PDB file of N, CA and C in Angstrom:
ATOM      1  N   MET A   1       0.650  -1.283  -0.231  1.00  0.00           N
ATOM      2  CA  MET A   1       0.170  -0.263  -0.064  1.00  0.00           C
ATOM      3  C   MET A   1       1.011   1.365   0.043  1.00  0.00           C
ATOM      4  N   ASN A   2       0.886   2.027  -1.069  1.00  0.00           N
ATOM      5  CA  ASN A   2       1.515   3.208  -1.091  1.00  0.00           C
ATOM      6  C   ASN A   2       0.886   4.353   0.003  1.00  0.00           C
ATOM      7  N   ALA A   3       1.634   5.364   0.159  1.00  0.00           N
ATOM      8  CA  ALA A   3       1.386   6.602   0.796  1.00  0.00           C
ATOM      9  C   ALA A   3       0.316   7.357   0.555  1.00  0.00           C
ATOM     10  N   GLN A   4      -0.202   7.627  -0.975  1.00  0.00           N
ATOM     11  CA  GLN A   4      -1.369   7.984  -1.436  1.00  0.00           C
ATOM     12  C   GLN A   4      -2.718   7.223  -1.019  1.00  0.00           C
ATOM     13  N   ALA A   5      -2.484   6.051  -1.064  1.00  0.00           N
ATOM     14  CA  ALA A   5      -3.706   5.278  -0.615  1.00  0.00           C
ATOM     15  C   ALA A   5      -3.744   5.062   0.873  1.00  0.00           C
ATOM     16  N   ILE A   6      -2.735   5.358   1.394  1.00  0.00           N
ATOM     17  CA  ILE A   6      -3.003   5.714   2.892  1.00  0.00           C
ATOM     18  C   ILE A   6      -3.499   6.653   3.188  1.00  0.00           C
ATOM     19  N   ILE A   7      -3.111   7.773   2.883  1.00  0.00           N
ATOM     20  CA  ILE A   7      -3.728   9.285   2.961  1.00  0.00           C
ATOM     21  C   ILE A   7      -5.217   9.186   2.381  1.00  0.00           C
ATOM     22  N   ARG A   8      -5.760   8.790   1.357  1.00  0.00           N
ATOM     23  CA  ARG A   8      -7.070   8.724   0.674  1.00  0.00           C
ATOM     24  C   ARG A   8      -7.786   8.208   2.013  1.00  0.00           C
ATOM     25  N   SER A   9      -7.588   7.104   2.456  1.00  0.00           N
ATOM     26  CA  SER A   9      -8.373   6.060   3.241  1.00  0.00           C
ATOM     27  C   SER A   9      -8.500   6.796   4.538  1.00  0.00           C
ATOM     28  N   ILE A  10      -7.407   7.584   5.251  1.00  0.00           N
ATOM     29  CA  ILE A  10      -7.818   8.334   6.300  1.00  0.00           C
ATOM     30  C   ILE A  10      -8.700   9.223   6.158  1.00  0.00           C
ATOM     31  N   GLU A  11      -8.404  10.060   4.977  1.00  0.00           N
ATOM     32  CA  GLU A  11      -9.173  11.338   4.347  1.00  0.00           C
ATOM     33  C   GLU A  11     -10.787  10.826   4.171  1.00  0.00           C
ATOM     34  N   ALA A  12     -11.039   9.400   3.820  1.00  0.00           N
ATOM     35  CA  ALA A  12     -12.384   9.195   3.508  1.00  0.00           C
ATOM     36  C   ALA A  12     -13.128   8.950   4.892  1.00  0.00           C
ATOM     37  N   GLU A  13     -12.639   8.921   5.843  1.00  0.00           N
ATOM     38  CA  GLU A  13     -13.378   9.003   7.308  1.00  0.00           C
ATOM     39  C   GLU A  13     -13.883  10.252   7.594  1.00  0.00           C
ATOM     40  N   HIS A  14     -12.965  11.302   6.815  1.00  0.00           N
ATOM     41  CA  HIS A  14     -13.488  12.640   7.343  1.00  0.00           C
ATOM     42  C   HIS A  14     -14.562  13.175   6.765  1.00  0.00           C
ATOM     43  N   ILE A  15     -14.544  12.692   5.447  1.00  0.00           N
ATOM     44  CA  ILE A  15     -15.507  13.473   4.609  1.00  0.00           C
ATOM     45  C   ILE A  15     -16.735  13.364   4.535  1.00  0.00           C
ATOM     46  N   LYS A  16     -17.683  14.358   4.683  1.00  0.00           N
ATOM     47  CA  LYS A  16     -18.924  14.499   4.964  1.00  0.00           C
ATOM     48  C   LYS A  16     -19.641  14.034   3.821  1.00  0.00           C
ATOM     49  N   GLN A  17     -20.869  13.303   4.228  1.00  0.00           N
ATOM     50  CA  GLN A  17     -21.903  12.433   3.277  1.00  0.00           C
ATOM     51  C   GLN A  17     -22.943  13.524   2.961  1.00  0.00           C
ATOM     52  N   ASP A  18     -23.259  14.292   4.174  1.00  0.00           N
ATOM     53  CA  ASP A  18     -24.473  14.822   3.877  1.00  0.00           C
ATOM     54  C   ASP A  18     -24.802  16.165   3.380  1.00  0.00           C
ATOM     55  N   LEU A  19     -23.878  16.715   2.832  1.00  0.00           N
ATOM     56  CA  LEU A  19     -23.688  17.911   2.134  1.00  0.00           C
ATOM     57  C   LEU A  19     -24.621  18.264   0.733  1.00  0.00           C
ATOM     58  N   PRO A  20     -25.157  19.333   0.911  1.00  0.00           N
ATOM     59  CA  PRO A  20     -26.138  19.574  -0.372  1.00  0.00           C
ATOM     60  C   PRO A  20     -25.472  19.815  -1.560  1.00  0.00           C
ATOM     61  N   GLU A  21     -26.160  19.845  -2.777  1.00  0.00           N
ATOM     62  CA  GLU A  21     -25.704  19.883  -4.000  1.00  0.00           C
ATOM     63  C   GLU A  21     -25.463  21.617  -4.091  1.00  0.00           C
ATOM     64  N   ILE A  22     -24.245  22.247  -3.967  1.00  0.00           N
ATOM     65  CA  ILE A  22     -23.922  23.667  -4.004  1.00  0.00           C
ATOM     66  C   ILE A  22     -23.597  23.905  -5.738  1.00  0.00           C
ATOM     67  N   TYR A  23     -24.107  25.091  -6.101  1.00  0.00           N
ATOM     68  CA  TYR A  23     -23.674  25.312  -7.338  1.00  0.00           C
ATOM     69  C   TYR A  23     -23.088  26.759  -7.406  1.00  0.00           C
ATOM     70  N   ILE A  24     -22.445  27.516  -8.241  1.00  0.00           N
ATOM     71  CA  ILE A  24     -21.995  28.599  -7.938  1.00  0.00           C
ATOM     72  C   ILE A  24     -23.343  29.626  -8.471  1.00  0.00           C
ATOM     73  N   GLY A  25     -23.554  30.808  -7.431  1.00  0.00           N
ATOM     74  CA  GLY A  25     -24.672  31.860  -7.838  1.00  0.00           C
ATOM     75  C   GLY A  25     -25.893  31.160  -6.732  1.00  0.00           C
ATOM     76  N   ASP A  26     -25.703  30.025  -6.076  1.00  0.00           N
ATOM     77  CA  ASP A  26     -26.594  30.015  -4.858  1.00  0.00           C
ATOM     78  C   ASP A  26     -26.247  30.795  -3.644  1.00  0.00           C
ATOM     79  N   THR A  27     -27.580  31.101  -3.264  1.00  0.00           N
ATOM     80  CA  THR A  27     -27.412  31.606  -1.937  1.00  0.00           C
ATOM     81  C   THR A  27     -27.801  30.794  -0.658  1.00  0.00           C
ATOM     82  N   VAL A  28     -26.625  30.713   0.023  1.00  0.00           N
ATOM     83  CA  VAL A  28     -26.544  29.562   1.238  1.00  0.00           C
ATOM     84  C   VAL A  28     -26.379  30.216   2.516  1.00  0.00           C
ATOM     85  N   ARG A  29     -26.896  29.675   3.288  1.00  0.00           N
ATOM     86  CA  ARG A  29     -26.695  30.006   4.738  1.00  0.00           C
ATOM     87  C   ARG A  29     -25.508  28.915   5.447  1.00  0.00           C
ATOM     88  N   VAL A  30     -24.412  29.301   5.952  1.00  0.00           N
ATOM     89  CA  VAL A  30     -23.310  28.231   6.377  1.00  0.00           C
ATOM     90  C   VAL A  30     -23.792  28.439   8.039  1.00  0.00           C
ATOM     91  N   GLY A  31     -23.841  27.482   8.550  1.00  0.00           N
ATOM     92  CA  GLY A  31     -23.848  27.236  10.189  1.00  0.00           C
ATOM     93  C   GLY A  31     -22.475  27.105  10.524  1.00  0.00           C
ATOM     94  N   VAL A  32     -21.769  28.133  11.235  1.00  0.00           N
ATOM     95  CA  VAL A  32     -20.294  27.934  11.538  1.00  0.00           C
ATOM     96  C   VAL A  32     -20.528  28.070  13.055  1.00  0.00           C
ATOM     97  N   ARG A  33     -19.536  26.744  13.586  1.00  0.00           N
ATOM     98  CA  ARG A  33     -19.385  26.550  15.229  1.00  0.00           C
ATOM     99  C   ARG A  33     -18.452  27.764  15.559  1.00  0.00           C
ATOM    100  N   ILE A  34     -18.855  28.479  16.670  1.00  0.00           N
ATOM    101  CA  ILE A  34     -18.084  29.432  17.208  1.00  0.00           C
ATOM    102  C   ILE A  34     -17.964  29.011  18.621  1.00  0.00           C
ATOM    103  N   ARG A  35     -16.557  29.140  19.213  1.00  0.00           N
ATOM    104  CA  ARG A  35     -16.258  28.801  20.750  1.00  0.00           C
ATOM    105  C   ARG A  35     -16.103  29.987  21.287  1.00  0.00           C
ATOM    106  N   GLU A  36     -16.850  30.518  22.204  1.00  0.00           N
ATOM    107  CA  GLU A  36     -16.682  31.329  23.015  1.00  0.00           C
ATOM    108  C   GLU A  36     -16.378  31.096  24.811  1.00  0.00           C
ATOM    109  N   GLY A  37     -14.999  31.002  25.142  1.00  0.00           N
ATOM    110  CA  GLY A  37     -14.768  30.490  26.496  1.00  0.00           C
ATOM    111  C   GLY A  37     -15.218  28.892  26.305  1.00  0.00           C
ATOM    112  N   GLU A  38     -16.320  28.518  27.098  1.00  0.00           N
ATOM    113  CA  GLU A  38     -16.442  27.360  27.135  1.00  0.00           C
ATOM    114  C   GLU A  38     -17.988  26.993  26.611  1.00  0.00           C
ATOM    115  N   LYS A  39     -18.360  27.980  26.318  1.00  0.00           N
ATOM    116  CA  LYS A  39     -19.800  27.771  25.347  1.00  0.00           C
ATOM    117  C   LYS A  39     -19.254  27.777  23.691  1.00  0.00           C
ATOM    118  N   GLU A  40     -20.243  27.035  23.294  1.00  0.00           N
ATOM    119  CA  GLU A  40     -20.192  26.917  21.598  1.00  0.00           C
ATOM    120  C   GLU A  40     -21.474  27.090  21.161  1.00  0.00           C
ATOM    121  N   ARG A  41     -21.520  27.918  20.275  1.00  0.00           N
ATOM    122  CA  ARG A  41     -22.839  28.513  19.414  1.00  0.00           C
ATOM    123  C   ARG A  41     -22.690  28.101  17.680  1.00  0.00           C
ATOM    124  N   VAL A  42     -23.608  28.273  17.147  1.00  0.00           N
ATOM    125  CA  VAL A  42     -23.528  28.033  15.753  1.00  0.00           C
ATOM    126  C   VAL A  42     -23.945  29.337  15.195  1.00  0.00           C
ATOM    127  N   GLN A  43     -23.113  30.211  14.396  1.00  0.00           N
ATOM    128  CA  GLN A  43     -23.556  31.362  13.979  1.00  0.00           C
ATOM    129  C   GLN A  43     -23.945  31.288  12.334  1.00  0.00           C
ATOM    130  N   PRO A  44     -24.993  31.874  11.934  1.00  0.00           N
ATOM    131  CA  PRO A  44     -25.237  31.497  10.484  1.00  0.00           C
ATOM    132  C   PRO A  44     -24.024  32.683   9.386  1.00  0.00           C
ATOM    133  N   TYR A  45     -23.997  32.404   8.602  1.00  0.00           N
ATOM    134  CA  TYR A  45     -23.315  33.093   7.736  1.00  0.00           C
ATOM    135  C   TYR A  45     -24.006  33.034   6.172  1.00  0.00           C
ATOM    136  N   GLU A  46     -24.812  34.111   5.731  1.00  0.00           N
ATOM    137  CA  GLU A  46     -25.673  34.031   4.646  1.00  0.00           C
ATOM    138  C   GLU A  46     -25.182  34.919   3.363  1.00  0.00           C
ATOM    139  N   GLY A  47     -25.072  34.263   2.051  1.00  0.00           N
ATOM    140  CA  GLY A  47     -24.477  35.382   1.234  1.00  0.00           C
ATOM    141  C   GLY A  47     -24.305  34.312  -0.215  1.00  0.00           C
ATOM    142  N   THR A  48     -23.775  34.597  -1.224  1.00  0.00           N
ATOM    143  CA  THR A  48     -23.942  34.217  -2.741  1.00  0.00           C
ATOM    144  C   THR A  48     -22.395  33.424  -2.854  1.00  0.00           C
ATOM    145  N   VAL A  49     -22.585  32.022  -3.019  1.00  0.00           N
ATOM    146  CA  VAL A  49     -21.298  31.417  -3.684  1.00  0.00           C
ATOM    147  C   VAL A  49     -20.933  31.968  -4.845  1.00  0.00           C
ATOM    148  N   ILE A  50     -19.913  32.358  -4.664  1.00  0.00           N
ATOM    149  CA  ILE A  50     -19.319  33.159  -5.665  1.00  0.00           C
ATOM    150  C   ILE A  50     -17.949  32.174  -6.529  1.00  0.00           C
ATOM    151  N   ALA A  51     -17.688  31.168  -5.796  1.00  0.00           N
ATOM    152  CA  ALA A  51     -16.318  30.293  -6.380  1.00  0.00           C
ATOM    153  C   ALA A  51     -16.143  28.867  -5.487  1.00  0.00           C
ATOM    154  N   ARG A  52     -16.165  28.311  -6.122  1.00  0.00           N
ATOM    155  CA  ARG A  52     -15.843  26.732  -5.759  1.00  0.00           C
ATOM    156  C   ARG A  52     -14.768  25.834  -6.140  1.00  0.00           C
ATOM    157  N   ARG A  53     -13.700  25.297  -5.119  1.00  0.00           N
ATOM    158  CA  ARG A  53     -12.856  24.471  -5.427  1.00  0.00           C
ATOM    159  C   ARG A  53     -12.902  23.172  -4.996  1.00  0.00           C
ATOM    160  N   ASN A  54     -12.845  22.369  -6.020  1.00  0.00           N
ATOM    161  CA  ASN A  54     -12.998  21.037  -5.680  1.00  0.00           C
ATOM    162  C   ASN A  54     -11.393  20.482  -5.396  1.00  0.00           C
ATOM    163  N   GLY A  55     -11.407  19.302  -4.149  1.00  0.00           N
ATOM    164  CA  GLY A  55     -10.288  18.665  -4.271  1.00  0.00           C
ATOM    165  C   GLY A  55     -10.515  17.778  -3.149  1.00  0.00           C
ATOM    166  N   GLY A  56     -11.480  16.677  -2.814  1.00  0.00           N
ATOM    167  CA  GLY A  56     -11.576  15.991  -1.954  1.00  0.00           C
ATOM    168  C   GLY A  56     -11.980  16.458  -0.617  1.00  0.00           C
ATOM    169  N   ILE A  57     -10.996  16.409  -0.046  1.00  0.00           N
ATOM    170  CA  ILE A  57     -11.277  17.010   1.561  1.00  0.00           C
ATOM    171  C   ILE A  57     -11.083  18.023   1.729  1.00  0.00           C
ATOM    172  N   ASN A  58     -10.344  18.867   0.461  1.00  0.00           N
ATOM    173  CA  ASN A  58     -10.005  20.044   0.593  1.00  0.00           C
ATOM    174  C   ASN A  58     -11.007  21.150  -0.273  1.00  0.00           C
ATOM    175  N   GLU A  59     -12.019  20.558  -0.272  1.00  0.00           N
ATOM    176  CA  GLU A  59     -13.190  21.040  -1.101  1.00  0.00           C
ATOM    177  C   GLU A  59     -13.423  22.486  -0.291  1.00  0.00           C
ATOM    178  N   THR A  60     -13.382  23.611  -0.956  1.00  0.00           N
ATOM    179  CA  THR A  60     -14.343  24.757  -0.545  1.00  0.00           C
ATOM    180  C   THR A  60     -14.969  25.775  -1.358  1.00  0.00           C
ATOM    181  N   ILE A  61     -15.842  26.669  -0.417  1.00  0.00           N
ATOM    182  CA  ILE A  61     -16.637  27.203  -1.403  1.00  0.00           C
ATOM    183  C   ILE A  61     -16.354  28.939  -0.759  1.00  0.00           C
ATOM    184  N   THR A  62     -16.388  29.835  -1.558  1.00  0.00           N
ATOM    185  CA  THR A  62     -16.402  31.305  -1.294  1.00  0.00           C
ATOM    186  C   THR A  62     -17.455  31.865  -1.474  1.00  0.00           C
ATOM    187  N   VAL A  63     -18.187  32.358  -0.051  1.00  0.00           N
ATOM    188  CA  VAL A  63     -19.162  32.867  -0.213  1.00  0.00           C
ATOM    189  C   VAL A  63     -19.320  34.491   0.229  1.00  0.00           C
ATOM    190  N   ARG A  64     -19.803  35.439  -0.481  1.00  0.00           N
ATOM    191  CA  ARG A  64     -19.691  36.835  -0.488  1.00  0.00           C
ATOM    192  C   ARG A  64     -21.039  37.639  -0.057  1.00  0.00           C
ATOM    193  N   LYS A  65     -21.053  38.306   0.909  1.00  0.00           N
ATOM    194  CA  LYS A  65     -22.205  38.931   1.587  1.00  0.00           C
ATOM    195  C   LYS A  65     -21.717  40.720   1.569  1.00  0.00           C
ATOM    196  N   ILE A  66     -22.814  41.279   1.759  1.00  0.00           N
ATOM    197  CA  ILE A  66     -22.613  42.722   1.527  1.00  0.00           C
ATOM    198  C   ILE A  66     -23.163  43.183   3.228  1.00  0.00           C
ATOM    199  N   PHE A  67     -22.392  43.571   4.103  1.00  0.00           N
ATOM    200  CA  PHE A  67     -22.627  44.035   5.715  1.00  0.00           C
ATOM    201  C   PHE A  67     -22.180  45.093   5.596  1.00  0.00           C
ATOM    202  N   GLN A  68     -23.196  46.004   5.998  1.00  0.00           N
ATOM    203  CA  GLN A  68     -22.982  47.308   6.429  1.00  0.00           C
ATOM    204  C   GLN A  68     -22.640  48.115   5.276  1.00  0.00           C
ATOM    205  N   GLY A  69     -22.969  47.577   3.973  1.00  0.00           N
ATOM    206  CA  GLY A  69     -22.230  48.429   2.881  1.00  0.00           C
ATOM    207  C   GLY A  69     -20.764  48.043   2.489  1.00  0.00           C
ATOM    208  N   ILE A  70     -20.038  47.195   3.043  1.00  0.00           N
ATOM    209  CA  ILE A  70     -18.974  46.620   2.569  1.00  0.00           C
ATOM    210  C   ILE A  70     -18.997  45.133   2.235  1.00  0.00           C
ATOM    211  N   GLY A  71     -18.630  44.733   1.216  1.00  0.00           N
ATOM    212  CA  GLY A  71     -18.637  43.249   0.731  1.00  0.00           C
ATOM    213  C   GLY A  71     -17.434  42.450   1.579  1.00  0.00           C
ATOM    214  N   VAL A  72     -18.117  41.418   1.853  1.00  0.00           N
ATOM    215  CA  VAL A  72     -17.319  40.497   3.036  1.00  0.00           C
ATOM    216  C   VAL A  72     -17.389  39.049   2.081  1.00  0.00           C
ATOM    217  N   GLU A  73     -16.177  38.484   2.305  1.00  0.00           N
ATOM    218  CA  GLU A  73     -15.894  37.192   1.368  1.00  0.00           C
ATOM    219  C   GLU A  73     -15.110  36.281   2.577  1.00  0.00           C
ATOM    220  N   ARG A  74     -15.918  35.239   2.576  1.00  0.00           N
ATOM    221  CA  ARG A  74     -15.566  34.125   3.364  1.00  0.00           C
ATOM    222  C   ARG A  74     -15.347  32.720   2.658  1.00  0.00           C
ATOM    223  N   VAL A  75     -14.173  32.145   3.208  1.00  0.00           N
ATOM    224  CA  VAL A  75     -13.768  30.780   2.603  1.00  0.00           C
ATOM    225  C   VAL A  75     -14.172  29.997   3.562  1.00  0.00           C
ATOM    226  N   PHE A  76     -15.269  28.951   3.078  1.00  0.00           N
ATOM    227  CA  PHE A  76     -15.477  27.718   3.955  1.00  0.00           C
ATOM    228  C   PHE A  76     -14.966  26.354   3.391  1.00  0.00           C
ATOM    229  N   LEU A  77     -14.131  25.508   3.992  1.00  0.00           N
ATOM    230  CA  LEU A  77     -13.513  23.981   3.927  1.00  0.00           C
ATOM    231  C   LEU A  77     -15.107  23.283   4.262  1.00  0.00           C
ATOM    232  N   LEU A  78     -15.629  22.805   3.409  1.00  0.00           N
ATOM    233  CA  LEU A  78     -16.912  22.161   3.487  1.00  0.00           C
ATOM    234  C   LEU A  78     -16.907  21.068   4.424  1.00  0.00           C
ATOM    235  N   HIS A  79     -15.644  20.371   4.264  1.00  0.00           N
ATOM    236  CA  HIS A  79     -15.602  18.946   5.176  1.00  0.00           C
ATOM    237  C   HIS A  79     -15.016  19.433   6.462  1.00  0.00           C
ATOM    238  N   SER A  80     -14.915  20.615   6.990  1.00  0.00           N
ATOM    239  CA  SER A  80     -14.280  20.946   8.469  1.00  0.00           C
ATOM    240  C   SER A  80     -15.265  21.049   9.448  1.00  0.00           C
ATOM    241  N   PRO A  81     -14.904  20.508  10.639  1.00  0.00           N
ATOM    242  CA  PRO A  81     -16.089  20.254  11.481  1.00  0.00           C
ATOM    243  C   PRO A  81     -16.286  21.595  11.951  1.00  0.00           C
ATOM    244  N   LEU A  82     -15.642  22.575  11.903  1.00  0.00           N
ATOM    245  CA  LEU A  82     -16.324  23.965  11.981  1.00  0.00           C
ATOM    246  C   LEU A  82     -17.653  24.277  11.394  1.00  0.00           C
ATOM    247  N   VAL A  83     -17.809  24.018  10.300  1.00  0.00           N
ATOM    248  CA  VAL A  83     -19.314  23.833   9.169  1.00  0.00           C
ATOM    249  C   VAL A  83     -19.825  23.191   9.783  1.00  0.00           C
ATOM    250  N   ASP A  84     -21.259  23.497  10.576  1.00  0.00           N
ATOM    251  CA  ASP A  84     -22.223  22.553  10.980  1.00  0.00           C
ATOM    252  C   ASP A  84     -23.211  22.222  10.014  1.00  0.00           C
ATOM    253  N   VAL A  85     -23.493  23.023   9.331  1.00  0.00           N
ATOM    254  CA  VAL A  85     -24.634  22.476   8.231  1.00  0.00           C
ATOM    255  C   VAL A  85     -24.669  23.874   7.374  1.00  0.00           C
ATOM    256  N   ILE A  86     -25.276  23.421   6.018  1.00  0.00           N
ATOM    257  CA  ILE A  86     -25.184  24.174   4.829  1.00  0.00           C
ATOM    258  C   ILE A  86     -26.781  23.941   4.475  1.00  0.00           C
ATOM    259  N   THR A  87     -27.265  25.316   4.403  1.00  0.00           N
ATOM    260  CA  THR A  87     -28.707  25.268   3.874  1.00  0.00           C
ATOM    261  C   THR A  87     -28.857  26.363   2.474  1.00  0.00           C
ATOM    262  N   ILE A  88     -29.284  25.661   1.472  1.00  0.00           N
ATOM    263  CA  ILE A  88     -29.520  26.534   0.160  1.00  0.00           C
ATOM    264  C   ILE A  88     -30.602  27.199   0.227  1.00  0.00           C
ATOM    265  N   ILE A  89     -30.938  28.474   0.461  1.00  0.00           N
ATOM    266  CA  ILE A  89     -31.949  29.560   0.371  1.00  0.00           C
ATOM    267  C   ILE A  89     -32.600  29.736  -1.046  1.00  0.00           C
ATOM    268  N   ARG A  90     -31.799  30.024  -1.932  1.00  0.00           N
ATOM    269  CA  ARG A  90     -32.207  29.880  -3.476  1.00  0.00           C
ATOM    270  C   ARG A  90     -31.460  29.664  -4.572  1.00  0.00           C
ATOM    271  N   ARG A  91     -31.718  29.515  -5.511  1.00  0.00           N
ATOM    272  CA  ARG A  91     -30.575  28.881  -6.864  1.00  0.00           C
ATOM    273  C   ARG A  91     -30.595  29.920  -7.505  1.00  0.00           C
ATOM    274  N   GLY A  92     -29.107  30.246  -7.952  1.00  0.00           N
ATOM    275  CA  GLY A  92     -28.726  31.139  -8.963  1.00  0.00           C
ATOM    276  C   GLY A  92     -28.819  30.648 -10.487  1.00  0.00           C
ATOM    277  N   LYS A  93     -28.866  31.616 -11.580  1.00  0.00           N
ATOM    278  CA  LYS A  93     -28.726  31.434 -12.557  1.00  0.00           C
ATOM    279  C   LYS A  93     -27.521  32.153 -13.201  1.00  0.00           C
ATOM    280  N   VAL A  94     -26.274  31.559 -13.352  1.00  0.00           N
ATOM    281  CA  VAL A  94     -25.090  32.329 -13.948  1.00  0.00           C
ATOM    282  C   VAL A  94     -24.594  31.297 -15.004  1.00  0.00           C
ATOM    283  N   ARG A  95     -23.696  31.812 -15.427  1.00  0.00           N
ATOM    284  CA  ARG A  95     -22.943  31.308 -16.818  1.00  0.00           C
ATOM    285  C   ARG A  95     -21.566  31.273 -16.774  1.00  0.00           C
ATOM    286  N   ARG A  96     -21.093  31.498 -15.377  1.00  0.00           N
ATOM    287  CA  ARG A  96     -19.739  31.165 -15.046  1.00  0.00           C
ATOM    288  C   ARG A  96     -19.362  30.287 -13.855  1.00  0.00           C
ATOM    289  N   ALA A  97     -17.913  29.894 -13.782  1.00  0.00           N
ATOM    290  CA  ALA A  97     -17.747  29.213 -12.646  1.00  0.00           C
ATOM    291  C   ALA A  97     -17.031  30.030 -11.667  1.00  0.00           C
ATOM    292  N   LYS A  98     -16.772  31.351 -11.934  1.00  0.00           N
ATOM    293  CA  LYS A  98     -16.086  32.186 -10.714  1.00  0.00           C
ATOM    294  C   LYS A  98     -16.782  33.373 -10.940  1.00  0.00           C
ATOM    295  N   LEU A  99     -17.424  34.005 -10.093  1.00  0.00           N
ATOM    296  CA  LEU A  99     -18.316  35.098 -10.139  1.00  0.00           C
ATOM    297  C   LEU A  99     -17.782  36.190  -9.222  1.00  0.00           C
ATOM    298  N   TYR A 100     -16.086  36.420  -9.852  1.00  0.00           N
ATOM    299  CA  TYR A 100     -15.327  37.248  -9.166  1.00  0.00           C
ATOM    300  C   TYR A 100     -15.751  38.658  -9.697  1.00  0.00           C
ATOM    301  N   TYR A 101     -16.624  38.964 -10.610  1.00  0.00           N
ATOM    302  CA  TYR A 101     -16.819  40.074 -11.125  1.00  0.00           C
ATOM    303  C   TYR A 101     -17.683  40.996 -10.414  1.00  0.00           C
ATOM    304  N   LEU A 102     -18.285  40.156  -9.317  1.00  0.00           N
ATOM    305  CA  LEU A 102     -19.257  40.878  -8.468  1.00  0.00           C
ATOM    306  C   LEU A 102     -18.472  41.872  -7.422  1.00  0.00           C
ATOM    307  N   ARG A 103     -17.317  41.553  -7.138  1.00  0.00           N
ATOM    308  CA  ARG A 103     -16.687  42.479  -6.392  1.00  0.00           C
ATOM    309  C   ARG A 103     -16.260  43.612  -6.718  1.00  0.00           C
ATOM    310  N   ASP A 104     -16.632  44.122  -8.079  1.00  0.00           N
ATOM    311  CA  ASP A 104     -16.921  45.306  -8.569  1.00  0.00           C
ATOM    312  C   ASP A 104     -18.175  46.138  -8.722  1.00  0.00           C
ATOM    313  N   ARG A 105     -18.833  45.236  -8.136  1.00  0.00           N
ATOM    314  CA  ARG A 105     -20.469  45.862  -8.656  1.00  0.00           C
ATOM    315  C   ARG A 105     -21.080  46.367  -7.023  1.00  0.00           C
ATOM    316  N   VAL A 106     -21.998  47.352  -7.322  1.00  0.00           N
ATOM    317  CA  VAL A 106     -22.542  47.578  -5.870  1.00  0.00           C
ATOM    318  C   VAL A 106     -24.330  47.819  -6.460  1.00  0.00           C
ATOM    319  N   GLY A 107     -25.010  47.481  -5.118  1.00  0.00           N
ATOM    320  CA  GLY A 107     -26.272  47.565  -5.136  1.00  0.00           C
ATOM    321  C   GLY A 107     -27.010  46.338  -6.076  1.00  0.00           C
ATOM    322  N   LYS A 108     -28.108  46.911  -6.616  1.00  0.00           N
ATOM    323  CA  LYS A 108     -28.790  46.147  -7.663  1.00  0.00           C
ATOM    324  C   LYS A 108     -27.887  45.251  -8.729  1.00  0.00           C
ATOM    325  N   ALA A 109     -26.799  45.803  -9.011  1.00  0.00           N
ATOM    326  CA  ALA A 109     -26.057  45.158 -10.098  1.00  0.00           C
ATOM    327  C   ALA A 109     -25.496  43.943  -9.681  1.00  0.00           C
ATOM    328  N   THR A 110     -25.641  43.670  -8.313  1.00  0.00           N
ATOM    329  CA  THR A 110     -24.842  42.639  -7.622  1.00  0.00           C
ATOM    330  C   THR A 110     -26.011  41.399  -7.394  1.00  0.00           C
ATOM    331  N   ARG A 111     -27.179  41.495  -7.972  1.00  0.00           N
ATOM    332  CA  ARG A 111     -28.504  40.445  -8.123  1.00  0.00           C
ATOM    333  C   ARG A 111     -28.099  39.537  -9.023  1.00  0.00           C
ATOM    334  N   VAL A 112     -28.360  38.315  -8.597  1.00  0.00           N
ATOM    335  CA  VAL A 112     -28.074  37.096  -9.716  1.00  0.00           C
ATOM    336  C   VAL A 112     -29.532  36.556  -9.871  1.00  0.00           C
ATOM    337  N   LYS A 113     -29.644  36.218 -10.945  1.00  0.00           N
ATOM    338  CA  LYS A 113     -31.291  35.620 -11.607  1.00  0.00           C
ATOM    339  C   LYS A 113     -31.671  34.537 -10.532  1.00  0.00           C
ATOM    340  N   GLN A 114     -32.866  34.128 -10.311  1.00  0.00           N
ATOM    341  CA  GLN A 114     -33.132  32.844  -9.639  1.00  0.00           C
ATOM    342  C   GLN A 114     -33.372  31.944 -10.954  1.00  0.00           C
ATOM    343  N   ARG A 115     -32.930  30.704 -10.515  1.00  0.00           N
ATOM    344  CA  ARG A 115     -33.356  29.389 -11.324  1.00  0.00           C
ATOM    345  C   ARG A 115     -34.356  28.692 -10.427  1.00  0.00           C
ATOM    346  N   PHE A 116     -35.015  27.929 -11.232  1.00  0.00           N
ATOM    347  CA  PHE A 116     -36.134  27.200 -10.802  1.00  0.00           C
ATOM    348  C   PHE A 116     -36.128  25.833 -11.122  1.00  0.00           C
ATOM    349  N   ASP A 117     -35.179  25.303 -11.967  1.00  0.00           N
ATOM    350  CA  ASP A 117     -35.303  24.133 -12.628  1.00  0.00           C
ATOM    351  C   ASP A 117     -34.463  22.901 -11.545  1.00  0.00           C
ATOM    352  N   ARG A 118     -33.765  23.552 -10.488  1.00  0.00           N
ATOM    353  CA  ARG A 118     -33.298  22.690  -9.456  1.00  0.00           C
ATOM    354  C   ARG A 118     -33.640  22.413  -8.477  1.00  0.00           C
ATOM    355  N   PRO A 119     -33.893  21.460  -7.589  1.00  0.00           N
ATOM    356  CA  PRO A 119     -34.554  21.535  -6.343  1.00  0.00           C
ATOM    357  C   PRO A 119     -33.598  22.465  -5.160  1.00  0.00           C
ATOM    358  N   LEU A 120     -34.241  22.734  -4.024  1.00  0.00           N
ATOM    359  CA  LEU A 120     -33.360  23.525  -3.132  1.00  0.00           C
ATOM    360  C   LEU A 120     -32.607  22.411  -2.333  1.00  0.00           C
TER     361      LEU A 120
END
């Protein structure tokens, strides 16, 4: 058994099976586990998926939202234990794999059309 096979078998134990189908342009709510002292809570982070990077256990999504007039982006490791739950709010209809052009847009120009042919 070579080294890569050993690594893959260890990674396979930690890959989450209950993740929803996430597409670029979707509006998602990511529940992030936050530790404050001894307490732990789940904080929701809601925004538009502007990028996705596949790679097995290293799979990430970049979620962008506007908070108090400022664009905030956050990258989430999908299989991380800190990501509690991912809920899809609405499906977006886009024609690109990366929506980095939304960074230059403000207000109504950042809207993404809704798509109805995929289930939530």
